[in-house]
């Protein structure tokens, strides 16, 4: 059986994942003649059992039709 350093010494790099993760999002879009502007905001719960911080982010996009 071969020896694996990564397998034997991986304990500090392992983390406990939560079984359930929540996601929520809301968005809005505005249309003008040839322009579209969209804003989307998202929030998730923490993935790790040891780090319960929520994660929030958003995206803004603008599209112009030629």
C-alpha atoms as a PDB file:
ATOM      1  CA  UNK A   1       0.000   0.000   0.000  1.00  0.00           C
ATOM      2  CA  UNK A   2       1.609   3.329  -1.021  1.00  0.00           C
ATOM      3  CA  UNK A   3       2.041   6.136   1.529  1.00  0.00           C
ATOM      4  CA  UNK A   4       0.247   9.406   0.813  1.00  0.00           C
ATOM      5  CA  UNK A   5       1.533  12.483   2.643  1.00  0.00           C
ATOM      6  CA  UNK A   6      -1.545  14.487   1.611  1.00  0.00           C
ATOM      7  CA  UNK A   7      -3.930  11.860   2.955  1.00  0.00           C
ATOM      8  CA  UNK A   8      -2.088  11.423   6.262  1.00  0.00           C
ATOM      9  CA  UNK A   9      -1.609  15.175   6.942  1.00  0.00           C
ATOM     10  CA  UNK A  10      -4.826  16.670   5.574  1.00  0.00           C
ATOM     11  CA  UNK A  11      -6.579  17.229   8.935  1.00  0.00           C
ATOM     12  CA  UNK A  12      -5.757  20.981   9.184  1.00  0.00           C
ATOM     13  CA  UNK A  13      -7.219  21.551   5.702  1.00  0.00           C
ATOM     14  CA  UNK A  14     -10.526  19.757   6.152  1.00  0.00           C
ATOM     15  CA  UNK A  15     -13.674  21.630   7.126  1.00  0.00           C
ATOM     16  CA  UNK A  16     -17.196  20.649   8.069  1.00  0.00           C
ATOM     17  CA  UNK A  17     -19.773  21.645   5.480  1.00  0.00           C
ATOM     18  CA  UNK A  18     -23.307  22.426   6.539  1.00  0.00           C
ATOM     19  CA  UNK A  19     -25.966  20.079   5.173  1.00  0.00           C
ATOM     20  CA  UNK A  20     -28.370  22.873   4.201  1.00  0.00           C
ATOM     21  CA  UNK A  21     -27.471  26.143   2.538  1.00  0.00           C
ATOM     22  CA  UNK A  22     -29.896  28.991   1.878  1.00  0.00           C
ATOM     23  CA  UNK A  23     -29.967  31.240  -1.193  1.00  0.00           C
ATOM     24  CA  UNK A  24     -32.076  34.333  -1.861  1.00  0.00           C
ATOM     25  CA  UNK A  25     -32.049  36.787  -4.730  1.00  0.00           C
ATOM     26  CA  UNK A  26     -33.916  39.768  -6.093  1.00  0.00           C
ATOM     27  CA  UNK A  27     -33.499  41.626  -9.336  1.00  0.00           C
ATOM     28  CA  UNK A  28     -34.818  44.413 -11.521  1.00  0.00           C
ATOM     29  CA  UNK A  29     -34.479  45.274 -15.211  1.00  0.00           C
ATOM     30  CA  UNK A  30     -35.181  48.532 -17.048  1.00  0.00           C
ATOM     31  CA  UNK A  31     -35.622  48.774 -20.816  1.00  0.00           C
ATOM     32  CA  UNK A  32     -35.159  51.858 -22.954  1.00  0.00           C
ATOM     33  CA  UNK A  33     -35.106  52.161 -26.742  1.00  0.00           C
ATOM     34  CA  UNK A  34     -31.960  50.033 -27.373  1.00  0.00           C
ATOM     35  CA  UNK A  35     -30.615  49.824 -23.828  1.00  0.00           C
ATOM     36  CA  UNK A  36     -31.235  47.309 -21.064  1.00  0.00           C
ATOM     37  CA  UNK A  37     -29.961  47.743 -17.489  1.00  0.00           C
ATOM     38  CA  UNK A  38     -30.197  44.890 -14.947  1.00  0.00           C
ATOM     39  CA  UNK A  39     -29.356  44.746 -11.243  1.00  0.00           C
ATOM     40  CA  UNK A  40     -29.376  41.464  -9.307  1.00  0.00           C
ATOM     41  CA  UNK A  41     -28.629  41.122  -5.571  1.00  0.00           C
ATOM     42  CA  UNK A  42     -27.951  37.718  -4.001  1.00  0.00           C
ATOM     43  CA  UNK A  43     -27.350  36.398  -0.479  1.00  0.00           C
ATOM     44  CA  UNK A  44     -26.308  32.958   0.761  1.00  0.00           C
ATOM     45  CA  UNK A  45     -25.726  31.402   4.143  1.00  0.00           C
ATOM     46  CA  UNK A  46     -22.236  30.219   5.128  1.00  0.00           C
ATOM     47  CA  UNK A  47     -21.004  26.906   3.720  1.00  0.00           C
ATOM     48  CA  UNK A  48     -18.812  25.923   6.668  1.00  0.00           C
ATOM     49  CA  UNK A  49     -19.989  24.880  10.120  1.00  0.00           C
ATOM     50  CA  UNK A  50     -17.083  26.806  11.692  1.00  0.00           C
ATOM     51  CA  UNK A  51     -17.688  30.014   9.703  1.00  0.00           C
ATOM     52  CA  UNK A  52     -21.377  30.973   9.801  1.00  0.00           C
ATOM     53  CA  UNK A  53     -20.947  34.349   8.042  1.00  0.00           C
ATOM     54  CA  UNK A  54     -23.441  35.084   5.291  1.00  0.00           C
ATOM     55  CA  UNK A  55     -22.183  35.982   1.823  1.00  0.00           C
ATOM     56  CA  UNK A  56     -23.855  38.757  -0.175  1.00  0.00           C
ATOM     57  CA  UNK A  57     -23.033  39.973  -3.663  1.00  0.00           C
ATOM     58  CA  UNK A  58     -24.646  41.504  -6.700  1.00  0.00           C
ATOM     59  CA  UNK A  59     -24.228  42.110 -10.396  1.00  0.00           C
ATOM     60  CA  UNK A  60     -25.011  45.043 -12.634  1.00  0.00           C
ATOM     61  CA  UNK A  61     -25.176  44.632 -16.398  1.00  0.00           C
ATOM     62  CA  UNK A  62     -25.868  46.947 -19.303  1.00  0.00           C
ATOM     63  CA  UNK A  63     -26.768  45.734 -22.784  1.00  0.00           C
ATOM     64  CA  UNK A  64     -26.906  47.896 -25.921  1.00  0.00           C
ATOM     65  CA  UNK A  65     -28.553  46.637 -29.119  1.00  0.00           C
ATOM     66  CA  UNK A  66     -26.811  47.603 -32.352  1.00  0.00           C
END
